Amino acid sequence: DTFEWKHNDRIYDCRIEKLSDEKNRLLGTIIVMQDVSELKKAYAELENMVIYDQLTGVYSMYSFMEHCKQYDEYNGSVAVVVCDINHLSDINIQYGQKAGNQALINVAGVLKKILMDRAYIARINEGNFVAVMKNVTDAEAGKTFEQIKRTVEKECNNGKFGVTIEYGIAMRKASNRWIMDIVHEAVNDMRDRKGR
């Protein structure tokens, strides 16, 4: 038998082995305890690094890909919104990586503040975020992201440069479509908006 035991903020993996003779009579019991506190802590830290984007605190691309499986099985309507920080590479070149990182952190903060628990938010690459919202219409998602766009323009201006975003929306109304297909549609919608 094996079990986990916690004592004084320490975690132990415990294994119990019964010793028997050739006639199956119990001779004794051995209990082996191993302190795995540091291992558990390291595992939790590693898990955190995989699940969350370390810079912005939103979910990571890996986490998003894992989460897509749940959305693929979900029967309700789903809005996928992809947003991109405009000219992020220019900010990095002109003002430095630290300024670009701060822009990412600030935009993620606005997304978290406005969307709160209404959407699953992940950073999917350099300057792109994705938000997946259940049971909303295209118009509701658009209204929410127009608010986010205005808030970013207002709150993410540091005096040297302003940060702006563009977004694209795609809807899945039928559960027979993969969520990643909807993400690609949202990316295309965002590119169309940038071209306007």
N, C-alpha and C. Protein backbone atom coordinates (compact mmCIF):
# COMPACT_ATOMS: atom_id res chain seq x y z
N ASP A 1 0.84 -1.19 0.00
CA ASP A 1 0.00 0.00 0.00
C ASP A 1 0.89 1.25 0.00
N THR A 2 0.43 2.26 -0.69
CA THR A 2 1.14 3.54 -0.69
C THR A 2 0.14 4.65 -0.38
N PHE A 3 0.63 5.68 0.26
CA PHE A 3 -0.21 6.84 0.55
C PHE A 3 0.67 8.05 0.79
N GLU A 4 0.04 9.22 0.77
CA GLU A 4 0.75 10.46 1.03
C GLU A 4 0.37 10.95 2.42
N TRP A 5 1.35 11.41 3.16
CA TRP A 5 1.12 11.89 4.53
C TRP A 5 1.71 13.28 4.66
N LYS A 6 0.94 14.19 5.24
CA LYS A 6 1.41 15.56 5.46
C LYS A 6 1.57 15.78 6.95
N HIS A 7 2.72 16.37 7.31
CA HIS A 7 3.01 16.62 8.72
C HIS A 7 3.96 17.81 8.82
N ASN A 8 3.55 18.82 9.61
CA ASN A 8 4.38 20.02 9.83
C ASN A 8 4.89 20.63 8.52
N ASP A 9 3.98 20.87 7.59
CA ASP A 9 4.30 21.48 6.29
C ASP A 9 5.24 20.64 5.44
N ARG A 10 5.38 19.40 5.72
CA ARG A 10 6.18 18.48 4.91
C ARG A 10 5.25 17.44 4.31
N ILE A 11 5.65 16.91 3.17
CA ILE A 11 4.86 15.89 2.49
C ILE A 11 5.73 14.64 2.36
N TYR A 12 5.15 13.50 2.73
CA TYR A 12 5.87 12.24 2.69
C TYR A 12 5.10 11.24 1.83
N ASP A 13 5.83 10.56 0.95
CA ASP A 13 5.28 9.39 0.27
C ASP A 13 5.58 8.21 1.19
N CYS A 14 4.56 7.45 1.52
CA CYS A 14 4.70 6.33 2.45
C CYS A 14 4.33 5.03 1.76
N ARG A 15 5.12 4.00 2.03
CA ARG A 15 4.84 2.68 1.47
C ARG A 15 4.91 1.66 2.60
N ILE A 16 3.91 0.82 2.66
CA ILE A 16 3.85 -0.21 3.69
C ILE A 16 4.03 -1.57 3.01
N GLU A 17 4.99 -2.33 3.51
CA GLU A 17 5.25 -3.68 2.99
C GLU A 17 5.11 -4.67 4.14
N LYS A 18 4.31 -5.69 3.93
CA LYS A 18 4.17 -6.74 4.95
C LYS A 18 5.13 -7.87 4.63
N LEU A 19 5.84 -8.33 5.67
CA LEU A 19 6.79 -9.43 5.51
C LEU A 19 6.15 -10.71 6.04
N SER A 20 6.18 -11.73 5.20
CA SER A 20 5.57 -13.02 5.58
C SER A 20 6.59 -14.13 5.38
N ASP A 21 6.38 -15.22 6.13
CA ASP A 21 7.25 -16.38 5.91
C ASP A 21 6.67 -17.23 4.80
N GLU A 22 7.33 -18.41 4.59
CA GLU A 22 6.88 -19.28 3.50
C GLU A 22 5.48 -19.84 3.72
N LYS A 23 4.97 -19.80 4.96
CA LYS A 23 3.60 -20.26 5.24
C LYS A 23 2.63 -19.09 5.28
N ASN A 24 3.08 -17.96 4.80
CA ASN A 24 2.26 -16.74 4.71
C ASN A 24 1.88 -16.18 6.08
N ARG A 25 2.70 -16.47 7.11
CA ARG A 25 2.47 -15.90 8.43
C ARG A 25 3.16 -14.54 8.48
N LEU A 26 2.48 -13.57 9.05
CA LEU A 26 3.01 -12.22 9.14
C LEU A 26 4.18 -12.19 10.11
N LEU A 27 5.33 -11.76 9.61
CA LEU A 27 6.52 -11.64 10.45
C LEU A 27 6.71 -10.20 10.93
N GLY A 28 6.22 -9.27 10.13
CA GLY A 28 6.39 -7.87 10.49
C GLY A 28 5.95 -6.96 9.35
N THR A 29 6.08 -5.70 9.62
CA THR A 29 5.69 -4.69 8.63
C THR A 29 6.81 -3.67 8.50
N ILE A 30 7.11 -3.32 7.28
CA ILE A 30 8.11 -2.27 7.01
C ILE A 30 7.36 -1.06 6.47
N ILE A 31 7.66 0.08 7.06
CA ILE A 31 7.10 1.33 6.57
C ILE A 31 8.25 2.18 6.05
N VAL A 32 8.18 2.54 4.78
CA VAL A 32 9.20 3.38 4.16
C VAL A 32 8.58 4.75 3.90
N MET A 33 9.23 5.77 4.45
CA MET A 33 8.72 7.14 4.27
C MET A 33 9.80 7.97 3.57
N GLN A 34 9.39 8.69 2.56
CA GLN A 34 10.33 9.53 1.83
C GLN A 34 9.77 10.95 1.79
N ASP A 35 10.57 11.92 2.22
CA ASP A 35 10.16 13.32 2.19
C ASP A 35 10.20 13.79 0.74
N VAL A 36 9.05 14.13 0.19
CA VAL A 36 8.95 14.58 -1.20
C VAL A 36 8.49 16.04 -1.27
N SER A 37 8.66 16.77 -0.19
CA SER A 37 8.19 18.16 -0.14
C SER A 37 8.81 19.01 -1.24
N GLU A 38 10.13 18.93 -1.39
CA GLU A 38 10.81 19.75 -2.40
C GLU A 38 10.42 19.31 -3.81
N LEU A 39 10.26 18.02 -4.00
CA LEU A 39 9.85 17.50 -5.30
C LEU A 39 8.45 18.00 -5.66
N LYS A 40 7.53 17.96 -4.70
CA LYS A 40 6.16 18.45 -4.93
C LYS A 40 6.17 19.95 -5.23
N LYS A 41 7.00 20.69 -4.51
CA LYS A 41 7.10 22.13 -4.73
C LYS A 41 7.64 22.41 -6.14
N ALA A 42 8.68 21.69 -6.53
CA ALA A 42 9.26 21.87 -7.86
C ALA A 42 8.25 21.50 -8.94
N TYR A 43 7.50 20.43 -8.72
CA TYR A 43 6.48 20.02 -9.68
C TYR A 43 5.40 21.10 -9.82
N ALA A 44 4.97 21.67 -8.70
CA ALA A 44 3.94 22.72 -8.74
C ALA A 44 4.46 23.95 -9.49
N GLU A 45 5.73 24.29 -9.27
CA GLU A 45 6.32 25.43 -9.97
C GLU A 45 6.42 25.16 -11.47
N LEU A 46 6.83 23.95 -11.82
CA LEU A 46 6.92 23.58 -13.23
C LEU A 46 5.55 23.58 -13.89
N GLU A 47 4.57 23.04 -13.19
CA GLU A 47 3.20 23.04 -13.70
C GLU A 47 2.71 24.47 -13.92
N ASN A 48 3.00 25.35 -12.99
CA ASN A 48 2.63 26.76 -13.12
C ASN A 48 3.29 27.39 -14.34
N MET A 49 4.55 27.03 -14.59
CA MET A 49 5.27 27.58 -15.74
C MET A 49 4.67 27.10 -17.06
N VAL A 50 4.12 25.91 -17.07
CA VAL A 50 3.52 25.36 -18.28
C VAL A 50 2.12 25.93 -18.50
N ILE A 51 1.36 26.08 -17.46
CA ILE A 51 -0.04 26.51 -17.57
C ILE A 51 -0.16 28.00 -17.84
N TYR A 52 0.68 28.80 -17.22
CA TYR A 52 0.55 30.26 -17.32
C TYR A 52 1.72 30.87 -18.09
N ASP A 53 1.42 31.89 -18.86
CA ASP A 53 2.45 32.69 -19.50
C ASP A 53 3.17 33.45 -18.39
N GLN A 54 4.46 33.25 -18.28
CA GLN A 54 5.21 33.79 -17.14
C GLN A 54 5.31 35.31 -17.14
N LEU A 55 5.20 35.92 -18.30
CA LEU A 55 5.30 37.38 -18.36
C LEU A 55 3.99 38.05 -17.99
N THR A 56 2.89 37.56 -18.54
CA THR A 56 1.61 38.27 -18.41
C THR A 56 0.67 37.70 -17.37
N GLY A 57 0.87 36.45 -16.99
CA GLY A 57 -0.01 35.83 -16.01
C GLY A 57 -1.29 35.24 -16.58
N VAL A 58 -1.54 35.41 -17.88
CA VAL A 58 -2.69 34.75 -18.49
C VAL A 58 -2.26 33.33 -18.86
N TYR A 59 -3.20 32.53 -19.34
CA TYR A 59 -2.86 31.16 -19.71
C TYR A 59 -1.86 31.14 -20.87
N SER A 60 -1.09 30.06 -20.96
CA SER A 60 -0.08 29.90 -22.00
C SER A 60 -0.70 29.26 -23.24
N MET A 61 0.06 29.26 -24.32
CA MET A 61 -0.36 28.61 -25.56
C MET A 61 -0.60 27.12 -25.31
N TYR A 62 0.30 26.47 -24.57
CA TYR A 62 0.13 25.06 -24.26
C TYR A 62 -1.19 24.82 -23.53
N SER A 63 -1.45 25.64 -22.53
CA SER A 63 -2.68 25.50 -21.76
C SER A 63 -3.90 25.71 -22.65
N PHE A 64 -3.81 26.70 -23.53
CA PHE A 64 -4.92 26.96 -24.45
C PHE A 64 -5.18 25.76 -25.35
N MET A 65 -4.12 25.16 -25.88
CA MET A 65 -4.30 23.99 -26.75
C MET A 65 -4.97 22.84 -25.99
N GLU A 66 -4.60 22.64 -24.74
CA GLU A 66 -5.24 21.62 -23.92
C GLU A 66 -6.70 21.97 -23.66
N HIS A 67 -6.96 23.24 -23.42
CA HIS A 67 -8.32 23.70 -23.11
C HIS A 67 -9.24 23.62 -24.33
N CYS A 68 -8.67 23.68 -25.52
CA CYS A 68 -9.47 23.62 -26.75
C CYS A 68 -10.30 22.34 -26.81
N LYS A 69 -9.79 21.27 -26.24
CA LYS A 69 -10.52 20.00 -26.24
C LYS A 69 -11.88 20.16 -25.55
N GLN A 70 -11.92 20.94 -24.47
CA GLN A 70 -13.19 21.16 -23.77
C GLN A 70 -14.16 21.96 -24.64
N TYR A 71 -13.62 22.96 -25.34
CA TYR A 71 -14.48 23.76 -26.21
C TYR A 71 -14.97 22.95 -27.41
N ASP A 72 -14.15 22.01 -27.88
CA ASP A 72 -14.58 21.17 -28.99
C ASP A 72 -15.78 20.31 -28.60
N GLU A 73 -15.89 19.96 -27.33
CA GLU A 73 -16.99 19.13 -26.85
C GLU A 73 -18.18 19.96 -26.36
N TYR A 74 -18.01 21.26 -26.25
CA TYR A 74 -19.06 22.14 -25.74
C TYR A 74 -20.12 22.35 -26.81
N ASN A 75 -21.40 22.26 -26.44
CA ASN A 75 -22.49 22.35 -27.41
C ASN A 75 -23.02 23.76 -27.65
N GLY A 76 -22.74 24.70 -26.77
CA GLY A 76 -23.26 26.05 -26.92
C GLY A 76 -22.45 26.89 -27.89
N SER A 77 -22.90 28.13 -28.07
CA SER A 77 -22.17 29.04 -28.96
C SER A 77 -20.89 29.53 -28.26
N VAL A 78 -19.88 29.75 -29.08
CA VAL A 78 -18.58 30.19 -28.57
C VAL A 78 -18.07 31.32 -29.46
N ALA A 79 -17.65 32.41 -28.84
CA ALA A 79 -16.99 33.49 -29.57
C ALA A 79 -15.49 33.39 -29.30
N VAL A 80 -14.72 33.42 -30.35
CA VAL A 80 -13.27 33.43 -30.23
C VAL A 80 -12.79 34.80 -30.71
N VAL A 81 -12.06 35.48 -29.85
CA VAL A 81 -11.53 36.79 -30.18
C VAL A 81 -10.02 36.74 -30.07
N VAL A 82 -9.36 37.08 -31.16
CA VAL A 82 -7.90 37.16 -31.17
C VAL A 82 -7.54 38.64 -31.23
N CYS A 83 -6.66 39.08 -30.35
CA CYS A 83 -6.22 40.48 -30.41
C CYS A 83 -4.71 40.54 -30.45
N ASP A 84 -4.23 41.59 -31.07
CA ASP A 84 -2.81 41.76 -31.34
C ASP A 84 -2.40 43.17 -30.94
N ILE A 85 -1.24 43.30 -30.32
CA ILE A 85 -0.70 44.62 -30.01
C ILE A 85 -0.09 45.17 -31.30
N ASN A 86 -0.60 46.29 -31.75
CA ASN A 86 -0.10 46.90 -32.97
C ASN A 86 1.34 47.38 -32.78
N HIS A 87 2.18 47.08 -33.75
CA HIS A 87 3.56 47.59 -33.81
C HIS A 87 4.40 47.20 -32.59
N LEU A 88 4.15 46.02 -32.04
CA LEU A 88 4.93 45.58 -30.88
C LEU A 88 6.41 45.47 -31.22
N SER A 89 6.73 44.95 -32.39
CA SER A 89 8.15 44.84 -32.76
C SER A 89 8.80 46.21 -32.87
N ASP A 90 8.06 47.22 -33.34
CA ASP A 90 8.60 48.58 -33.40
C ASP A 90 8.86 49.12 -31.99
N ILE A 91 7.95 48.84 -31.07
CA ILE A 91 8.15 49.26 -29.67
C ILE A 91 9.41 48.61 -29.12
N ASN A 92 9.58 47.31 -29.38
CA ASN A 92 10.77 46.59 -28.91
C ASN A 92 12.05 47.19 -29.48
N ILE A 93 12.03 47.52 -30.76
CA ILE A 93 13.23 48.07 -31.42
C ILE A 93 13.52 49.48 -30.93
N GLN A 94 12.50 50.32 -30.90
CA GLN A 94 12.72 51.73 -30.58
C GLN A 94 12.91 51.98 -29.08
N TYR A 95 12.16 51.27 -28.24
CA TYR A 95 12.19 51.57 -26.80
C TYR A 95 12.78 50.44 -25.96
N GLY A 96 13.04 49.31 -26.58
CA GLY A 96 13.66 48.19 -25.87
C GLY A 96 12.66 47.10 -25.48
N GLN A 97 13.21 45.92 -25.26
CA GLN A 97 12.40 44.74 -24.90
C GLN A 97 11.61 44.96 -23.63
N LYS A 98 12.19 45.69 -22.69
CA LYS A 98 11.50 45.95 -21.42
C LYS A 98 10.21 46.72 -21.67
N ALA A 99 10.24 47.69 -22.57
CA ALA A 99 9.04 48.47 -22.90
C ALA A 99 8.01 47.59 -23.60
N GLY A 100 8.47 46.72 -24.50
CA GLY A 100 7.56 45.80 -25.17
C GLY A 100 6.92 44.83 -24.19
N ASN A 101 7.73 44.32 -23.26
CA ASN A 101 7.19 43.43 -22.23
C ASN A 101 6.15 44.14 -21.37
N GLN A 102 6.42 45.40 -21.03
CA GLN A 102 5.47 46.15 -20.23
C GLN A 102 4.16 46.36 -20.99
N ALA A 103 4.25 46.58 -22.30
CA ALA A 103 3.04 46.71 -23.12
C ALA A 103 2.22 45.42 -23.06
N LEU A 104 2.89 44.27 -23.16
CA LEU A 104 2.20 42.98 -23.06
C LEU A 104 1.53 42.81 -21.70
N ILE A 105 2.26 43.15 -20.65
CA ILE A 105 1.71 43.04 -19.29
C ILE A 105 0.50 43.94 -19.13
N ASN A 106 0.59 45.17 -19.63
CA ASN A 106 -0.51 46.12 -19.50
C ASN A 106 -1.75 45.67 -20.27
N VAL A 107 -1.56 45.20 -21.49
CA VAL A 107 -2.71 44.73 -22.28
C VAL A 107 -3.34 43.52 -21.61
N ALA A 108 -2.53 42.59 -21.13
CA ALA A 108 -3.07 41.43 -20.41
C ALA A 108 -3.86 41.87 -19.19
N GLY A 109 -3.37 42.89 -18.51
CA GLY A 109 -4.08 43.42 -17.34
C GLY A 109 -5.45 43.98 -17.70
N VAL A 110 -5.53 44.68 -18.83
CA VAL A 110 -6.83 45.21 -19.28
C VAL A 110 -7.76 44.06 -19.64
N LEU A 111 -7.24 43.07 -20.35
CA LEU A 111 -8.07 41.90 -20.72
C LEU A 111 -8.63 41.23 -19.46
N LYS A 112 -7.75 41.00 -18.48
CA LYS A 112 -8.20 40.34 -17.24
C LYS A 112 -9.21 41.19 -16.49
N LYS A 113 -8.97 42.49 -16.45
CA LYS A 113 -9.85 43.39 -15.70
C LYS A 113 -11.25 43.44 -16.32
N ILE A 114 -11.33 43.55 -17.63
CA ILE A 114 -12.64 43.70 -18.27
C ILE A 114 -13.34 42.36 -18.45
N LEU A 115 -12.60 41.34 -18.82
CA LEU A 115 -13.23 40.04 -19.07
C LEU A 115 -13.45 39.24 -17.80
N MET A 116 -12.63 39.46 -16.79
CA MET A 116 -12.69 38.75 -15.51
C MET A 116 -12.93 37.27 -15.74
N ASP A 117 -14.05 36.77 -15.23
CA ASP A 117 -14.33 35.33 -15.36
C ASP A 117 -15.28 35.04 -16.52
N ARG A 118 -15.45 35.99 -17.43
CA ARG A 118 -16.35 35.79 -18.57
C ARG A 118 -15.66 35.14 -19.76
N ALA A 119 -14.35 34.98 -19.70
CA ALA A 119 -13.62 34.44 -20.85
C ALA A 119 -12.37 33.71 -20.39
N TYR A 120 -11.94 32.79 -21.21
CA TYR A 120 -10.66 32.11 -21.04
C TYR A 120 -9.66 32.91 -21.87
N ILE A 121 -8.62 33.44 -21.24
CA ILE A 121 -7.66 34.31 -21.91
C ILE A 121 -6.30 33.64 -21.93
N ALA A 122 -5.67 33.62 -23.11
CA ALA A 122 -4.33 33.04 -23.24
C ALA A 122 -3.48 33.91 -24.16
N ARG A 123 -2.20 33.89 -23.91
CA ARG A 123 -1.25 34.50 -24.84
C ARG A 123 -0.81 33.40 -25.78
N ILE A 124 -1.04 33.59 -27.08
CA ILE A 124 -0.79 32.50 -28.01
C ILE A 124 0.49 32.66 -28.82
N ASN A 125 1.06 33.84 -28.83
CA ASN A 125 2.40 34.03 -29.39
C ASN A 125 2.88 35.42 -29.04
N GLU A 126 3.89 35.89 -29.71
CA GLU A 126 4.57 37.15 -29.35
C GLU A 126 3.64 38.23 -28.83
N GLY A 127 2.78 38.77 -29.67
CA GLY A 127 1.91 39.87 -29.24
C GLY A 127 0.44 39.56 -29.35
N ASN A 128 0.09 38.29 -29.52
CA ASN A 128 -1.31 37.91 -29.70
C ASN A 128 -1.88 37.25 -28.46
N PHE A 129 -3.11 37.63 -28.18
CA PHE A 129 -3.89 37.01 -27.12
C PHE A 129 -5.15 36.44 -27.74
N VAL A 130 -5.69 35.42 -27.12
CA VAL A 130 -6.98 34.87 -27.54
C VAL A 130 -7.89 34.85 -26.32
N ALA A 131 -9.15 35.18 -26.56
CA ALA A 131 -10.17 35.09 -25.51
C ALA A 131 -11.31 34.24 -26.07
N VAL A 132 -11.74 33.27 -25.30
CA VAL A 132 -12.85 32.41 -25.70
C VAL A 132 -13.98 32.68 -24.73
N MET A 133 -15.12 33.07 -25.31
CA MET A 133 -16.28 33.46 -24.50
C MET A 133 -17.45 32.54 -24.87
N LYS A 134 -18.07 31.97 -23.85
CA LYS A 134 -19.22 31.10 -24.07
C LYS A 134 -20.52 31.90 -24.03
N ASN A 135 -21.47 31.44 -24.81
CA ASN A 135 -22.85 31.95 -24.77
C ASN A 135 -22.94 33.47 -24.94
N VAL A 136 -22.21 34.00 -25.89
CA VAL A 136 -22.33 35.41 -26.24
C VAL A 136 -22.57 35.51 -27.74
N THR A 137 -23.12 36.62 -28.15
CA THR A 137 -23.32 36.86 -29.58
C THR A 137 -22.09 37.55 -30.15
N ASP A 138 -22.04 37.59 -31.45
CA ASP A 138 -20.98 38.31 -32.15
C ASP A 138 -20.99 39.78 -31.73
N ALA A 139 -22.19 40.35 -31.64
CA ALA A 139 -22.33 41.77 -31.26
C ALA A 139 -21.84 42.01 -29.83
N GLU A 140 -22.18 41.10 -28.91
CA GLU A 140 -21.73 41.25 -27.51
C GLU A 140 -20.21 41.16 -27.40
N ALA A 141 -19.63 40.22 -28.12
CA ALA A 141 -18.17 40.08 -28.11
C ALA A 141 -17.52 41.32 -28.71
N GLY A 142 -18.09 41.83 -29.80
CA GLY A 142 -17.56 43.04 -30.43
C GLY A 142 -17.64 44.25 -29.52
N LYS A 143 -18.76 44.40 -28.83
CA LYS A 143 -18.93 45.52 -27.90
C LYS A 143 -17.90 45.44 -26.77
N THR A 144 -17.70 44.24 -26.25
CA THR A 144 -16.73 44.05 -25.17
C THR A 144 -15.33 44.40 -25.64
N PHE A 145 -14.96 43.96 -26.84
CA PHE A 145 -13.60 44.22 -27.32
C PHE A 145 -13.41 45.66 -27.79
N GLU A 146 -14.46 46.33 -28.19
CA GLU A 146 -14.34 47.77 -28.45
C GLU A 146 -14.03 48.50 -27.15
N GLN A 147 -14.67 48.06 -26.06
CA GLN A 147 -14.37 48.63 -24.74
C GLN A 147 -12.92 48.35 -24.35
N ILE A 148 -12.46 47.13 -24.60
CA ILE A 148 -11.08 46.78 -24.30
C ILE A 148 -10.12 47.62 -25.13
N LYS A 149 -10.43 47.79 -26.40
CA LYS A 149 -9.59 48.58 -27.30
C LYS A 149 -9.46 50.02 -26.79
N ARG A 150 -10.58 50.62 -26.42
CA ARG A 150 -10.56 52.00 -25.89
C ARG A 150 -9.79 52.08 -24.57
N THR A 151 -9.99 51.09 -23.72
CA THR A 151 -9.31 51.09 -22.42
C THR A 151 -7.80 50.95 -22.59
N VAL A 152 -7.37 50.08 -23.50
CA VAL A 152 -5.94 49.93 -23.78
C VAL A 152 -5.36 51.26 -24.25
N GLU A 153 -6.04 51.91 -25.19
CA GLU A 153 -5.54 53.19 -25.71
C GLU A 153 -5.46 54.25 -24.62
N LYS A 154 -6.38 54.19 -23.67
CA LYS A 154 -6.42 55.18 -22.59
C LYS A 154 -5.41 54.86 -21.49
N GLU A 155 -5.36 53.60 -21.06
CA GLU A 155 -4.58 53.24 -19.87
C GLU A 155 -3.16 52.76 -20.17
N CYS A 156 -2.86 52.42 -21.40
CA CYS A 156 -1.55 51.85 -21.72
C CYS A 156 -0.65 52.84 -22.45
N ASN A 157 -0.83 54.11 -22.18
CA ASN A 157 0.00 55.16 -22.77
C ASN A 157 0.97 55.61 -21.69
N ASN A 158 2.26 55.40 -21.93
CA ASN A 158 3.25 55.72 -20.90
C ASN A 158 3.91 57.08 -21.11
N GLY A 159 3.43 57.87 -22.04
CA GLY A 159 4.03 59.18 -22.30
C GLY A 159 5.01 59.16 -23.46
N LYS A 160 5.75 58.06 -23.61
CA LYS A 160 6.68 57.94 -24.74
C LYS A 160 5.98 57.40 -25.98
N PHE A 161 5.14 56.42 -25.75
CA PHE A 161 4.42 55.80 -26.87
C PHE A 161 3.08 55.30 -26.36
N GLY A 162 2.14 55.23 -27.27
CA GLY A 162 0.83 54.68 -26.94
C GLY A 162 0.73 53.25 -27.43
N VAL A 163 -0.05 52.48 -26.76
CA VAL A 163 -0.27 51.09 -27.16
C VAL A 163 -1.68 50.98 -27.70
N THR A 164 -1.80 50.35 -28.85
CA THR A 164 -3.12 50.09 -29.44
C THR A 164 -3.20 48.61 -29.79
N ILE A 165 -4.41 48.14 -29.89
CA ILE A 165 -4.63 46.75 -30.29
C ILE A 165 -5.63 46.71 -31.43
N GLU A 166 -5.61 45.61 -32.14
CA GLU A 166 -6.67 45.30 -33.09
C GLU A 166 -7.15 43.91 -32.73
N TYR A 167 -8.37 43.61 -33.07
CA TYR A 167 -8.93 42.30 -32.73
C TYR A 167 -9.74 41.76 -33.89
N GLY A 168 -9.97 40.47 -33.85
CA GLY A 168 -10.83 39.80 -34.81
C GLY A 168 -11.72 38.82 -34.07
N ILE A 169 -12.93 38.67 -34.57
CA ILE A 169 -13.92 37.81 -33.91
C ILE A 169 -14.40 36.75 -34.89
N ALA A 170 -14.58 35.55 -34.39
CA ALA A 170 -15.23 34.49 -35.14
C ALA A 170 -16.14 33.73 -34.17
N MET A 171 -17.26 33.28 -34.68
CA MET A 171 -18.25 32.58 -33.86
C MET A 171 -18.34 31.12 -34.26
N ARG A 172 -18.54 30.29 -33.26
CA ARG A 172 -18.91 28.90 -33.52
C ARG A 172 -20.29 28.70 -32.95
N LYS A 173 -21.23 28.49 -33.85
CA LYS A 173 -22.62 28.31 -33.42
C LYS A 173 -23.02 26.84 -33.41
N ALA A 174 -22.26 26.02 -34.12
CA ALA A 174 -22.54 24.59 -34.17
C ALA A 174 -21.35 23.84 -33.58
N SER A 175 -21.64 22.82 -32.82
CA SER A 175 -20.58 22.10 -32.11
C SER A 175 -19.78 21.17 -33.00
N ASN A 176 -20.11 21.11 -34.29
CA ASN A 176 -19.39 20.20 -35.18
C ASN A 176 -18.16 20.85 -35.81
N ARG A 177 -17.73 22.00 -35.30
CA ARG A 177 -16.55 22.69 -35.82
C ARG A 177 -15.47 22.75 -34.75
N TRP A 178 -14.24 22.50 -35.14
CA TRP A 178 -13.11 22.55 -34.22
C TRP A 178 -12.84 23.99 -33.81
N ILE A 179 -12.49 24.18 -32.56
CA ILE A 179 -12.25 25.53 -32.05
C ILE A 179 -11.03 26.16 -32.73
N MET A 180 -10.02 25.37 -33.10
CA MET A 180 -8.85 25.94 -33.77
C MET A 180 -9.21 26.50 -35.15
N ASP A 181 -10.22 25.91 -35.80
CA ASP A 181 -10.70 26.49 -37.07
C ASP A 181 -11.29 27.87 -36.82
N ILE A 182 -11.98 28.02 -35.71
CA ILE A 182 -12.58 29.31 -35.35
C ILE A 182 -11.48 30.32 -35.01
N VAL A 183 -10.42 29.86 -34.36
CA VAL A 183 -9.28 30.74 -34.05
C VAL A 183 -8.69 31.28 -35.35
N HIS A 184 -8.52 30.43 -36.35
CA HIS A 184 -7.97 30.88 -37.64
C HIS A 184 -8.89 31.90 -38.30
N GLU A 185 -10.20 31.70 -38.19
CA GLU A 185 -11.14 32.68 -38.73
C GLU A 185 -11.02 34.02 -38.00
N ALA A 186 -10.84 33.97 -36.69
CA ALA A 186 -10.68 35.20 -35.91
C ALA A 186 -9.39 35.92 -36.29
N VAL A 187 -8.32 35.17 -36.53
CA VAL A 187 -7.05 35.78 -36.97
C VAL A 187 -7.25 36.45 -38.32
N ASN A 188 -7.95 35.79 -39.24
CA ASN A 188 -8.21 36.39 -40.55
C ASN A 188 -9.06 37.65 -40.43
N ASP A 189 -10.06 37.63 -39.54
CA ASP A 189 -10.88 38.82 -39.31
C ASP A 189 -10.02 39.96 -38.76
N MET A 190 -9.11 39.64 -37.86
CA MET A 190 -8.22 40.66 -37.30
C MET A 190 -7.34 41.25 -38.40
N ARG A 191 -6.81 40.41 -39.27
CA ARG A 191 -5.97 40.90 -40.37
C ARG A 191 -6.77 41.80 -41.31
N ASP A 192 -8.02 41.42 -41.56
CA ASP A 192 -8.89 42.27 -42.40
C ASP A 192 -9.09 43.63 -41.75
N ARG A 193 -9.32 43.65 -40.45
CA ARG A 193 -9.52 44.92 -39.73
C ARG A 193 -8.25 45.78 -39.77
N LYS A 194 -7.09 45.14 -39.65
CA LYS A 194 -5.83 45.89 -39.71
C LYS A 194 -5.64 46.51 -41.09
N GLY A 195 -6.15 45.84 -42.11
CA GLY A 195 -6.00 46.33 -43.47
C GLY A 195 -6.96 47.44 -43.84
N ARG A 196 -7.96 47.68 -42.99
CA ARG A 196 -8.96 48.72 -43.30
C ARG A 196 -8.40 50.10 -43.13
